[in-house]
Amino acid sequence: MNKILIFAAAITGLGAAAWGVNAFSGSNDTIAPAQAAALATKSFKIDKMTCAGCPITVKTAMKKVQGVSSVAVDYKTKTATVQFDPAVTNTIAIAAASENAGYPATPAETN
């Protein structure tokens, strides 16, 4: 019984210590303003989306491309809006990821 209590206390202490390190280390999952300025946003026309489940596949494929930070797919308009780091990837790689998943993508024209 004492071993269980000691083990539980040790786990609780480690969890609190880890929280303390993360809380005060300055690490943050949000994008810093300087990084956000370096990101590009591009819309893509997506072909062959025939059901409400298709956008999940497109989003998953595009998110796997290194440098992509966010993907929003709209089934109704058959488009995807992607935020990415142009120093790491480009629109060709993002479109290829969607096409390899079975949904050809082409960068939408900007006005």
PDB file of N, CA and C in Angstrom:
ATOM      1  N   MET A   1       0.827  -1.190   0.000  1.00  0.00           N
ATOM      2  CA  MET A   1       0.000   0.000   0.000  1.00  0.00           C
ATOM      3  C   MET A   1       0.870   1.251   0.000  1.00  0.00           C
ATOM      4  N   ASN A   2       1.921   1.262   0.823  1.00  0.00           N
ATOM      5  CA  ASN A   2       2.805   2.434   0.873  1.00  0.00           C
ATOM      6  C   ASN A   2       3.519   2.651  -0.459  1.00  0.00           C
ATOM      7  N   LYS A   3       3.861   1.538  -1.148  1.00  0.00           N
ATOM      8  CA  LYS A   3       4.533   1.662  -2.440  1.00  0.00           C
ATOM      9  C   LYS A   3       3.626   2.346  -3.455  1.00  0.00           C
ATOM     10  N   ILE A   4       2.331   2.041  -3.400  1.00  0.00           N
ATOM     11  CA  ILE A   4       1.380   2.652  -4.321  1.00  0.00           C
ATOM     12  C   ILE A   4       1.278   4.145  -4.056  1.00  0.00           C
ATOM     13  N   LEU A   5       1.206   4.522  -2.793  1.00  0.00           N
ATOM     14  CA  LEU A   5       1.099   5.942  -2.445  1.00  0.00           C
ATOM     15  C   LEU A   5       2.361   6.699  -2.850  1.00  0.00           C
ATOM     16  N   ILE A   6       3.517   6.085  -2.628  1.00  0.00           N
ATOM     17  CA  ILE A   6       4.775   6.739  -2.996  1.00  0.00           C
ATOM     18  C   ILE A   6       4.850   6.899  -4.511  1.00  0.00           C
ATOM     19  N   PHE A   7       4.453   5.858  -5.236  1.00  0.00           N
ATOM     20  CA  PHE A   7       4.454   5.905  -6.692  1.00  0.00           C
ATOM     21  C   PHE A   7       3.513   6.997  -7.202  1.00  0.00           C
ATOM     22  N   ALA A   8       2.304   7.073  -6.634  1.00  0.00           N
ATOM     23  CA  ALA A   8       1.336   8.090  -7.043  1.00  0.00           C
ATOM     24  C   ALA A   8       1.860   9.487  -6.748  1.00  0.00           C
ATOM     25  N   ALA A   9       2.492   9.658  -5.611  1.00  0.00           N
ATOM     26  CA  ALA A   9       3.050  10.969  -5.255  1.00  0.00           C
ATOM     27  C   ALA A   9       4.183  11.351  -6.208  1.00  0.00           C
ATOM     28  N   ALA A  10       4.994  10.357  -6.582  1.00  0.00           N
ATOM     29  CA  ALA A  10       6.098  10.631  -7.504  1.00  0.00           C
ATOM     30  C   ALA A  10       5.578  11.058  -8.865  1.00  0.00           C
ATOM     31  N   ILE A  11       4.546  10.374  -9.351  1.00  0.00           N
ATOM     32  CA  ILE A  11       3.960  10.732 -10.647  1.00  0.00           C
ATOM     33  C   ILE A  11       3.350  12.123 -10.588  1.00  0.00           C
ATOM     34  N   THR A  12       2.648  12.423  -9.528  1.00  0.00           N
ATOM     35  CA  THR A  12       2.043  13.745  -9.369  1.00  0.00           C
ATOM     36  C   THR A  12       3.117  14.817  -9.341  1.00  0.00           C
ATOM     37  N   GLY A  13       4.193  14.547  -8.630  1.00  0.00           N
ATOM     38  CA  GLY A  13       5.295  15.514  -8.554  1.00  0.00           C
ATOM     39  C   GLY A  13       5.953  15.734  -9.893  1.00  0.00           C
ATOM     40  N   LEU A  14       6.149  14.657 -10.663  1.00  0.00           N
ATOM     41  CA  LEU A  14       6.741  14.798 -11.988  1.00  0.00           C
ATOM     42  C   LEU A  14       5.840  15.592 -12.916  1.00  0.00           C
ATOM     43  N   GLY A  15       4.546  15.338 -12.825  1.00  0.00           N
ATOM     44  CA  GLY A  15       3.602  16.079 -13.654  1.00  0.00           C
ATOM     45  C   GLY A  15       3.630  17.561 -13.332  1.00  0.00           C
ATOM     46  N   ALA A  16       3.682  17.889 -12.049  1.00  0.00           N
ATOM     47  CA  ALA A  16       3.727  19.298 -11.647  1.00  0.00           C
ATOM     48  C   ALA A  16       5.034  19.936 -12.077  1.00  0.00           C
ATOM     49  N   ALA A  17       6.127  19.179 -11.972  1.00  0.00           N
ATOM     50  CA  ALA A  17       7.421  19.722 -12.396  1.00  0.00           C
ATOM     51  C   ALA A  17       7.433  19.977 -13.891  1.00  0.00           C
ATOM     52  N   ALA A  18       6.893  19.054 -14.654  1.00  0.00           N
ATOM     53  CA  ALA A  18       6.837  19.235 -16.106  1.00  0.00           C
ATOM     54  C   ALA A  18       5.970  20.430 -16.464  1.00  0.00           C
ATOM     55  N   TRP A  19       4.857  20.601 -15.786  1.00  0.00           N
ATOM     56  CA  TRP A  19       3.996  21.744 -16.037  1.00  0.00           C
ATOM     57  C   TRP A  19       4.739  23.022 -15.742  1.00  0.00           C
ATOM     58  N   GLY A  20       5.467  23.037 -14.666  1.00  0.00           N
ATOM     59  CA  GLY A  20       6.212  24.235 -14.286  1.00  0.00           C
ATOM     60  C   GLY A  20       7.251  24.606 -15.318  1.00  0.00           C
ATOM     61  N   VAL A  21       7.945  23.614 -15.855  1.00  0.00           N
ATOM     62  CA  VAL A  21       8.958  23.879 -16.870  1.00  0.00           C
ATOM     63  C   VAL A  21       8.303  24.449 -18.114  1.00  0.00           C
ATOM     64  N   ASN A  22       7.209  23.845 -18.567  1.00  0.00           N
ATOM     65  CA  ASN A  22       6.535  24.332 -19.764  1.00  0.00           C
ATOM     66  C   ASN A  22       5.905  25.695 -19.550  1.00  0.00           C
ATOM     67  N   ALA A  23       5.370  25.918 -18.367  1.00  0.00           N
ATOM     68  CA  ALA A  23       4.676  27.170 -18.110  1.00  0.00           C
ATOM     69  C   ALA A  23       5.632  28.352 -18.095  1.00  0.00           C
ATOM     70  N   PHE A  24       6.886  28.128 -17.695  1.00  0.00           N
ATOM     71  CA  PHE A  24       7.804  29.241 -17.543  1.00  0.00           C
ATOM     72  C   PHE A  24       8.986  29.203 -18.494  1.00  0.00           C
ATOM     73  N   SER A  25       8.990  28.254 -19.404  1.00  0.00           N
ATOM     74  CA  SER A  25      10.129  28.140 -20.315  1.00  0.00           C
ATOM     75  C   SER A  25      10.047  29.116 -21.472  1.00  0.00           C
ATOM     76  N   GLY A  26       8.887  29.731 -21.638  1.00  0.00           N
ATOM     77  CA  GLY A  26       8.718  30.655 -22.740  1.00  0.00           C
ATOM     78  C   GLY A  26       8.294  29.957 -24.016  1.00  0.00           C
ATOM     79  N   SER A  27       8.199  28.616 -23.992  1.00  0.00           N
ATOM     80  CA  SER A  27       7.745  27.935 -25.199  1.00  0.00           C
ATOM     81  C   SER A  27       6.260  28.179 -25.387  1.00  0.00           C
ATOM     82  N   ASN A  28       5.875  28.312 -26.633  1.00  0.00           N
ATOM     83  CA  ASN A  28       4.490  28.636 -26.929  1.00  0.00           C
ATOM     84  C   ASN A  28       4.125  27.983 -28.247  1.00  0.00           C
ATOM     85  N   ASP A  29       2.946  27.374 -28.328  1.00  0.00           N
ATOM     86  CA  ASP A  29       2.514  26.717 -29.554  1.00  0.00           C
ATOM     87  C   ASP A  29       1.950  27.697 -30.573  1.00  0.00           C
ATOM     88  N   THR A  30       1.753  28.940 -30.197  1.00  0.00           N
ATOM     89  CA  THR A  30       1.216  29.906 -31.139  1.00  0.00           C
ATOM     90  C   THR A  30       2.340  30.443 -32.015  1.00  0.00           C
ATOM     91  N   ILE A  31       1.990  30.963 -33.143  1.00  0.00           N
ATOM     92  CA  ILE A  31       2.974  31.491 -34.079  1.00  0.00           C
ATOM     93  C   ILE A  31       3.346  32.910 -33.652  1.00  0.00           C
ATOM     94  N   ALA A  32       4.627  33.150 -33.531  1.00  0.00           N
ATOM     95  CA  ALA A  32       5.113  34.471 -33.169  1.00  0.00           C
ATOM     96  C   ALA A  32       4.817  35.441 -34.312  1.00  0.00           C
ATOM     97  N   PRO A  33       4.646  36.726 -34.017  1.00  0.00           N
ATOM     98  CA  PRO A  33       4.336  37.703 -35.075  1.00  0.00           C
ATOM     99  C   PRO A  33       5.344  37.699 -36.224  1.00  0.00           C
ATOM    100  N   ALA A  34       6.627  37.542 -35.926  1.00  0.00           N
ATOM    101  CA  ALA A  34       7.630  37.530 -36.992  1.00  0.00           C
ATOM    102  C   ALA A  34       7.450  36.319 -37.891  1.00  0.00           C
ATOM    103  N   GLN A  35       7.095  35.167 -37.288  1.00  0.00           N
ATOM    104  CA  GLN A  35       6.868  33.973 -38.083  1.00  0.00           C
ATOM    105  C   GLN A  35       5.603  34.117 -38.915  1.00  0.00           C
ATOM    106  N   ALA A  36       4.558  34.686 -38.341  1.00  0.00           N
ATOM    107  CA  ALA A  36       3.286  34.831 -39.039  1.00  0.00           C
ATOM    108  C   ALA A  36       3.459  35.696 -40.287  1.00  0.00           C
ATOM    109  N   ALA A  37       4.309  36.706 -40.208  1.00  0.00           N
ATOM    110  CA  ALA A  37       4.530  37.586 -41.350  1.00  0.00           C
ATOM    111  C   ALA A  37       5.212  36.832 -42.492  1.00  0.00           C
ATOM    112  N   ALA A  38       5.973  35.792 -42.167  1.00  0.00           N
ATOM    113  CA  ALA A  38       6.697  35.040 -43.183  1.00  0.00           C
ATOM    114  C   ALA A  38       5.810  33.999 -43.859  1.00  0.00           C
ATOM    115  N   LEU A  39       4.631  33.719 -43.316  1.00  0.00           N
ATOM    116  CA  LEU A  39       3.754  32.711 -43.883  1.00  0.00           C
ATOM    117  C   LEU A  39       2.994  33.262 -45.086  1.00  0.00           C
ATOM    118  N   ALA A  40       2.735  32.380 -46.036  1.00  0.00           N
ATOM    119  CA  ALA A  40       1.944  32.736 -47.210  1.00  0.00           C
ATOM    120  C   ALA A  40       0.609  32.022 -47.131  1.00  0.00           C
ATOM    121  N   THR A  41      -0.409  32.591 -47.761  1.00  0.00           N
ATOM    122  CA  THR A  41      -1.727  31.963 -47.824  1.00  0.00           C
ATOM    123  C   THR A  41      -2.117  31.839 -49.290  1.00  0.00           C
ATOM    124  N   LYS A  42      -2.587  30.643 -49.651  1.00  0.00           N
ATOM    125  CA  LYS A  42      -2.977  30.394 -51.032  1.00  0.00           C
ATOM    126  C   LYS A  42      -4.239  29.552 -51.053  1.00  0.00           C
ATOM    127  N   SER A  43      -5.137  29.873 -51.972  1.00  0.00           N
ATOM    128  CA  SER A  43      -6.345  29.082 -52.169  1.00  0.00           C
ATOM    129  C   SER A  43      -6.145  28.152 -53.360  1.00  0.00           C
ATOM    130  N   PHE A  44      -6.761  26.974 -53.263  1.00  0.00           N
ATOM    131  CA  PHE A  44      -6.677  25.971 -54.312  1.00  0.00           C
ATOM    132  C   PHE A  44      -8.077  25.542 -54.701  1.00  0.00           C
ATOM    133  N   LYS A  45      -8.295  25.309 -55.995  1.00  0.00           N
ATOM    134  CA  LYS A  45      -9.522  24.664 -56.458  1.00  0.00           C
ATOM    135  C   LYS A  45      -9.282  23.165 -56.348  1.00  0.00           C
ATOM    136  N   ILE A  46     -10.242  22.450 -55.765  1.00  0.00           N
ATOM    137  CA  ILE A  46     -10.097  21.011 -55.564  1.00  0.00           C
ATOM    138  C   ILE A  46     -11.123  20.276 -56.418  1.00  0.00           C
ATOM    139  N   ASP A  47     -10.660  19.359 -57.252  1.00  0.00           N
ATOM    140  CA  ASP A  47     -11.536  18.554 -58.102  1.00  0.00           C
ATOM    141  C   ASP A  47     -11.844  17.216 -57.443  1.00  0.00           C
ATOM    142  N   LYS A  48     -12.911  16.596 -57.913  1.00  0.00           N
ATOM    143  CA  LYS A  48     -13.335  15.246 -57.533  1.00  0.00           C
ATOM    144  C   LYS A  48     -13.844  15.114 -56.096  1.00  0.00           C
ATOM    145  N   MET A  49     -14.176  16.207 -55.426  1.00  0.00           N
ATOM    146  CA  MET A  49     -14.793  16.090 -54.105  1.00  0.00           C
ATOM    147  C   MET A  49     -16.282  15.842 -54.325  1.00  0.00           C
ATOM    148  N   THR A  50     -16.734  14.650 -53.954  1.00  0.00           N
ATOM    149  CA  THR A  50     -18.121  14.267 -54.220  1.00  0.00           C
ATOM    150  C   THR A  50     -18.954  14.046 -52.964  1.00  0.00           C
ATOM    151  N   CYS A  51     -18.331  14.074 -51.805  1.00  0.00           N
ATOM    152  CA  CYS A  51     -19.088  13.864 -50.563  1.00  0.00           C
ATOM    153  C   CYS A  51     -18.497  14.707 -49.442  1.00  0.00           C
ATOM    154  N   ALA A  52     -19.217  14.784 -48.355  1.00  0.00           N
ATOM    155  CA  ALA A  52     -18.777  15.607 -47.227  1.00  0.00           C
ATOM    156  C   ALA A  52     -17.533  15.050 -46.539  1.00  0.00           C
ATOM    157  N   GLY A  53     -17.180  13.800 -46.816  1.00  0.00           N
ATOM    158  CA  GLY A  53     -15.975  13.215 -46.237  1.00  0.00           C
ATOM    159  C   GLY A  53     -14.709  13.551 -47.008  1.00  0.00           C
ATOM    160  N   CYS A  54     -14.852  13.936 -48.259  1.00  0.00           N
ATOM    161  CA  CYS A  54     -13.693  14.242 -49.103  1.00  0.00           C
ATOM    162  C   CYS A  54     -12.795  15.342 -48.523  1.00  0.00           C
ATOM    163  N   PRO A  55     -13.344  16.415 -47.972  1.00  0.00           N
ATOM    164  CA  PRO A  55     -12.477  17.465 -47.437  1.00  0.00           C
ATOM    165  C   PRO A  55     -11.527  16.981 -46.335  1.00  0.00           C
ATOM    166  N   ILE A  56     -11.935  15.961 -45.604  1.00  0.00           N
ATOM    167  CA  ILE A  56     -11.065  15.430 -44.554  1.00  0.00           C
ATOM    168  C   ILE A  56      -9.804  14.835 -45.175  1.00  0.00           C
ATOM    169  N   THR A  57      -9.963  14.103 -46.259  1.00  0.00           N
ATOM    170  CA  THR A  57      -8.819  13.501 -46.947  1.00  0.00           C
ATOM    171  C   THR A  57      -7.907  14.575 -47.526  1.00  0.00           C
ATOM    172  N   VAL A  58      -8.503  15.593 -48.152  1.00  0.00           N
ATOM    173  CA  VAL A  58      -7.715  16.682 -48.731  1.00  0.00           C
ATOM    174  C   VAL A  58      -6.937  17.405 -47.637  1.00  0.00           C
ATOM    175  N   LYS A  59      -7.619  17.739 -46.547  1.00  0.00           N
ATOM    176  CA  LYS A  59      -6.968  18.456 -45.445  1.00  0.00           C
ATOM    177  C   LYS A  59      -5.823  17.638 -44.865  1.00  0.00           C
ATOM    178  N   THR A  60      -6.063  16.360 -44.639  1.00  0.00           N
ATOM    179  CA  THR A  60      -5.029  15.490 -44.078  1.00  0.00           C
ATOM    180  C   THR A  60      -3.814  15.420 -44.991  1.00  0.00           C
ATOM    181  N   ALA A  61      -4.039  15.273 -46.286  1.00  0.00           N
ATOM    182  CA  ALA A  61      -2.933  15.182 -47.242  1.00  0.00           C
ATOM    183  C   ALA A  61      -2.123  16.478 -47.274  1.00  0.00           C
ATOM    184  N   MET A  62      -2.810  17.602 -47.322  1.00  0.00           N
ATOM    185  CA  MET A  62      -2.113  18.890 -47.405  1.00  0.00           C
ATOM    186  C   MET A  62      -1.369  19.207 -46.103  1.00  0.00           C
ATOM    187  N   LYS A  63      -1.946  18.851 -44.964  1.00  0.00           N
ATOM    188  CA  LYS A  63      -1.304  19.124 -43.673  1.00  0.00           C
ATOM    189  C   LYS A  63      -0.023  18.328 -43.491  1.00  0.00           C
ATOM    190  N   LYS A  64       0.118  17.214 -44.202  1.00  0.00           N
ATOM    191  CA  LYS A  64       1.324  16.396 -44.082  1.00  0.00           C
ATOM    192  C   LYS A  64       2.527  17.011 -44.780  1.00  0.00           C
ATOM    193  N   VAL A  65       2.300  18.002 -45.625  1.00  0.00           N
ATOM    194  CA  VAL A  65       3.402  18.654 -46.329  1.00  0.00           C
ATOM    195  C   VAL A  65       4.166  19.511 -45.323  1.00  0.00           C
ATOM    196  N   GLN A  66       5.456  19.257 -45.224  1.00  0.00           N
ATOM    197  CA  GLN A  66       6.282  20.015 -44.294  1.00  0.00           C
ATOM    198  C   GLN A  66       6.229  21.493 -44.661  1.00  0.00           C
ATOM    199  N   GLY A  67       5.995  22.345 -43.668  1.00  0.00           N
ATOM    200  CA  GLY A  67       5.895  23.786 -43.888  1.00  0.00           C
ATOM    201  C   GLY A  67       4.468  24.292 -43.906  1.00  0.00           C
ATOM    202  N   VAL A  68       3.490  23.386 -44.041  1.00  0.00           N
ATOM    203  CA  VAL A  68       2.078  23.791 -44.018  1.00  0.00           C
ATOM    204  C   VAL A  68       1.651  23.939 -42.570  1.00  0.00           C
ATOM    205  N   SER A  69       1.088  25.097 -42.233  1.00  0.00           N
ATOM    206  CA  SER A  69       0.675  25.330 -40.847  1.00  0.00           C
ATOM    207  C   SER A  69      -0.825  25.199 -40.651  1.00  0.00           C
ATOM    208  N   SER A  70      -1.628  25.460 -41.684  1.00  0.00           N
ATOM    209  CA  SER A  70      -3.071  25.277 -41.539  1.00  0.00           C
ATOM    210  C   SER A  70      -3.713  25.046 -42.902  1.00  0.00           C
ATOM    211  N   VAL A  71      -4.819  24.286 -42.863  1.00  0.00           N
ATOM    212  CA  VAL A  71      -5.578  23.992 -44.078  1.00  0.00           C
ATOM    213  C   VAL A  71      -7.052  24.078 -43.726  1.00  0.00           C
ATOM    214  N   ALA A  72      -7.809  24.819 -44.511  1.00  0.00           N
ATOM    215  CA  ALA A  72      -9.265  24.884 -44.362  1.00  0.00           C
ATOM    216  C   ALA A  72      -9.873  24.509 -45.703  1.00  0.00           C
ATOM    217  N   VAL A  73     -10.676  23.437 -45.711  1.00  0.00           N
ATOM    218  CA  VAL A  73     -11.278  22.959 -46.946  1.00  0.00           C
ATOM    219  C   VAL A  73     -12.779  23.217 -46.898  1.00  0.00           C
ATOM    220  N   ASP A  74     -13.308  23.795 -47.979  1.00  0.00           N
ATOM    221  CA  ASP A  74     -14.737  24.106 -48.069  1.00  0.00           C
ATOM    222  C   ASP A  74     -15.349  23.219 -49.152  1.00  0.00           C
ATOM    223  N   TYR A  75     -16.162  22.267 -48.718  1.00  0.00           N
ATOM    224  CA  TYR A  75     -16.780  21.325 -49.653  1.00  0.00           C
ATOM    225  C   TYR A  75     -17.723  22.033 -50.620  1.00  0.00           C
ATOM    226  N   LYS A  76     -18.474  22.982 -50.108  1.00  0.00           N
ATOM    227  CA  LYS A  76     -19.475  23.682 -50.928  1.00  0.00           C
ATOM    228  C   LYS A  76     -18.835  24.403 -52.118  1.00  0.00           C
ATOM    229  N   THR A  77     -17.725  25.093 -51.876  1.00  0.00           N
ATOM    230  CA  THR A  77     -17.059  25.846 -52.947  1.00  0.00           C
ATOM    231  C   THR A  77     -15.946  25.041 -53.614  1.00  0.00           C
ATOM    232  N   LYS A  78     -15.674  23.842 -53.088  1.00  0.00           N
ATOM    233  CA  LYS A  78     -14.623  22.970 -53.622  1.00  0.00           C
ATOM    234  C   LYS A  78     -13.269  23.674 -53.642  1.00  0.00           C
ATOM    235  N   THR A  79     -12.955  24.319 -52.512  1.00  0.00           N
ATOM    236  CA  THR A  79     -11.684  25.029 -52.388  1.00  0.00           C
ATOM    237  C   THR A  79     -10.987  24.663 -51.083  1.00  0.00           C
ATOM    238  N   ALA A  80      -9.694  24.901 -51.069  1.00  0.00           N
ATOM    239  CA  ALA A  80      -8.887  24.747 -49.859  1.00  0.00           C
ATOM    240  C   ALA A  80      -8.052  26.007 -49.713  1.00  0.00           C
ATOM    241  N   THR A  81      -7.971  26.510 -48.506  1.00  0.00           N
ATOM    242  CA  THR A  81      -7.114  27.657 -48.216  1.00  0.00           C
ATOM    243  C   THR A  81      -6.006  27.161 -47.301  1.00  0.00           C
ATOM    244  N   VAL A  82      -4.775  27.370 -47.740  1.00  0.00           N
ATOM    245  CA  VAL A  82      -3.616  26.813 -47.050  1.00  0.00           C
ATOM    246  C   VAL A  82      -2.683  27.932 -46.620  1.00  0.00           C
ATOM    247  N   GLN A  83      -2.246  27.851 -45.378  1.00  0.00           N
ATOM    248  CA  GLN A  83      -1.243  28.784 -44.866  1.00  0.00           C
ATOM    249  C   GLN A  83       0.050  27.978 -44.728  1.00  0.00           C
ATOM    250  N   PHE A  84       1.139  28.486 -45.307  1.00  0.00           N
ATOM    251  CA  PHE A  84       2.382  27.725 -45.336  1.00  0.00           C
ATOM    252  C   PHE A  84       3.593  28.648 -45.315  1.00  0.00           C
ATOM    253  N   ASP A  85       4.733  28.056 -45.006  1.00  0.00           N
ATOM    254  CA  ASP A  85       6.000  28.777 -44.996  1.00  0.00           C
ATOM    255  C   ASP A  85       6.646  28.603 -46.369  1.00  0.00           C
ATOM    256  N   PRO A  86       6.719  29.672 -47.172  1.00  0.00           N
ATOM    257  CA  PRO A  86       7.284  29.544 -48.519  1.00  0.00           C
ATOM    258  C   PRO A  86       8.782  29.231 -48.527  1.00  0.00           C
ATOM    259  N   ALA A  87       9.448  29.367 -47.396  1.00  0.00           N
ATOM    260  CA  ALA A  87      10.859  28.987 -47.319  1.00  0.00           C
ATOM    261  C   ALA A  87      11.014  27.473 -47.197  1.00  0.00           C
ATOM    262  N   VAL A  88       9.907  26.786 -46.869  1.00  0.00           N
ATOM    263  CA  VAL A  88       9.956  25.344 -46.650  1.00  0.00           C
ATOM    264  C   VAL A  88       9.252  24.575 -47.768  1.00  0.00           C
ATOM    265  N   THR A  89       8.145  25.104 -48.277  1.00  0.00           N
ATOM    266  CA  THR A  89       7.374  24.402 -49.306  1.00  0.00           C
ATOM    267  C   THR A  89       6.813  25.396 -50.310  1.00  0.00           C
ATOM    268  N   ASN A  90       6.083  24.866 -51.287  1.00  0.00           N
ATOM    269  CA  ASN A  90       5.501  25.732 -52.317  1.00  0.00           C
ATOM    270  C   ASN A  90       4.145  25.179 -52.759  1.00  0.00           C
ATOM    271  N   THR A  91       3.471  25.919 -53.607  1.00  0.00           N
ATOM    272  CA  THR A  91       2.127  25.525 -54.039  1.00  0.00           C
ATOM    273  C   THR A  91       2.148  24.235 -54.860  1.00  0.00           C
ATOM    274  N   ILE A  92       3.225  23.979 -55.556  1.00  0.00           N
ATOM    275  CA  ILE A  92       3.317  22.754 -56.359  1.00  0.00           C
ATOM    276  C   ILE A  92       3.309  21.524 -55.451  1.00  0.00           C
ATOM    277  N   ALA A  93       4.071  21.557 -54.370  1.00  0.00           N
ATOM    278  CA  ALA A  93       4.124  20.424 -53.439  1.00  0.00           C
ATOM    279  C   ALA A  93       2.787  20.228 -52.732  1.00  0.00           C
ATOM    280  N   ILE A  94       2.140  21.323 -52.383  1.00  0.00           N
ATOM    281  CA  ILE A  94       0.845  21.234 -51.692  1.00  0.00           C
ATOM    282  C   ILE A  94      -0.205  20.651 -52.634  1.00  0.00           C
ATOM    283  N   ALA A  95      -0.245  21.134 -53.871  1.00  0.00           N
ATOM    284  CA  ALA A  95      -1.195  20.608 -54.859  1.00  0.00           C
ATOM    285  C   ALA A  95      -0.918  19.134 -55.145  1.00  0.00           C
ATOM    286  N   ALA A  96       0.349  18.763 -55.217  1.00  0.00           N
ATOM    287  CA  ALA A  96       0.711  17.369 -55.480  1.00  0.00           C
ATOM    288  C   ALA A  96       0.233  16.449 -54.359  1.00  0.00           C
ATOM    289  N   ALA A  97       0.308  16.911 -53.123  1.00  0.00           N
ATOM    290  CA  ALA A  97      -0.159  16.104 -51.991  1.00  0.00           C
ATOM    291  C   ALA A  97      -1.646  15.811 -52.124  1.00  0.00           C
ATOM    292  N   SER A  98      -2.424  16.807 -52.513  1.00  0.00           N
ATOM    293  CA  SER A  98      -3.857  16.604 -52.704  1.00  0.00           C
ATOM    294  C   SER A  98      -4.116  15.671 -53.877  1.00  0.00           C
ATOM    295  N   GLU A  99      -3.393  15.885 -54.958  1.00  0.00           N
ATOM    296  CA  GLU A  99      -3.570  15.036 -56.139  1.00  0.00           C
ATOM    297  C   GLU A  99      -3.196  13.586 -55.839  1.00  0.00           C
ATOM    298  N   ASN A 100      -2.135  13.383 -55.079  1.00  0.00           N
ATOM    299  CA  ASN A 100      -1.725  12.021 -54.713  1.00  0.00           C
ATOM    300  C   ASN A 100      -2.776  11.332 -53.839  1.00  0.00           C
ATOM    301  N   ALA A 101      -3.607  12.118 -53.160  1.00  0.00           N
ATOM    302  CA  ALA A 101      -4.679  11.559 -52.346  1.00  0.00           C
ATOM    303  C   ALA A 101      -5.942  11.330 -53.189  1.00  0.00           C
ATOM    304  N   GLY A 102      -5.889  11.689 -54.477  1.00  0.00           N
ATOM    305  CA  GLY A 102      -7.027  11.456 -55.373  1.00  0.00           C
ATOM    306  C   GLY A 102      -7.868  12.677 -55.677  1.00  0.00           C
ATOM    307  N   TYR A 103      -7.394  13.841 -55.248  1.00  0.00           N
ATOM    308  CA  TYR A 103      -8.154  15.082 -55.445  1.00  0.00           C
ATOM    309  C   TYR A 103      -7.246  16.133 -56.093  1.00  0.00           C
ATOM    310  N   PRO A 104      -7.255  16.197 -57.432  1.00  0.00           N
ATOM    311  CA  PRO A 104      -6.412  17.195 -58.120  1.00  0.00           C
ATOM    312  C   PRO A 104      -6.691  18.611 -57.607  1.00  0.00           C
ATOM    313  N   ALA A 105      -5.615  19.337 -57.370  1.00  0.00           N
ATOM    314  CA  ALA A 105      -5.719  20.708 -56.855  1.00  0.00           C
ATOM    315  C   ALA A 105      -4.936  21.641 -57.760  1.00  0.00           C
ATOM    316  N   THR A 106      -5.514  22.808 -58.006  1.00  0.00           N
ATOM    317  CA  THR A 106      -4.810  23.832 -58.770  1.00  0.00           C
ATOM    318  C   THR A 106      -4.910  25.146 -58.005  1.00  0.00           C
ATOM    319  N   PRO A 107      -3.797  25.878 -57.954  1.00  0.00           N
ATOM    320  CA  PRO A 107      -3.863  27.176 -57.275  1.00  0.00           C
ATOM    321  C   PRO A 107      -4.918  28.069 -57.911  1.00  0.00           C
ATOM    322  N   ALA A 108      -5.725  28.668 -57.072  1.00  0.00           N
ATOM    323  CA  ALA A 108      -6.775  29.563 -57.568  1.00  0.00           C
ATOM    324  C   ALA A 108      -6.148  30.870 -58.004  1.00  0.00           C
ATOM    325  N   GLU A 109      -6.732  31.467 -59.014  1.00  0.00           N
ATOM    326  CA  GLU A 109      -6.256  32.762 -59.494  1.00  0.00           C
ATOM    327  C   GLU A 109      -6.554  33.826 -58.446  1.00  0.00           C
ATOM    328  N   THR A 110      -5.608  34.748 -58.285  1.00  0.00           N
ATOM    329  CA  THR A 110      -5.816  35.870 -57.369  1.00  0.00           C
ATOM    330  C   THR A 110      -6.056  37.127 -58.191  1.00  0.00           C
ATOM    331  N   ASN A 111      -6.915  37.976 -57.688  1.00  0.00           N
ATOM    332  CA  ASN A 111      -7.225  39.214 -58.419  1.00  0.00           C
ATOM    333  C   ASN A 111      -6.474  40.372 -57.848  1.00  0.00           C
TER     334      ASN A 111
END
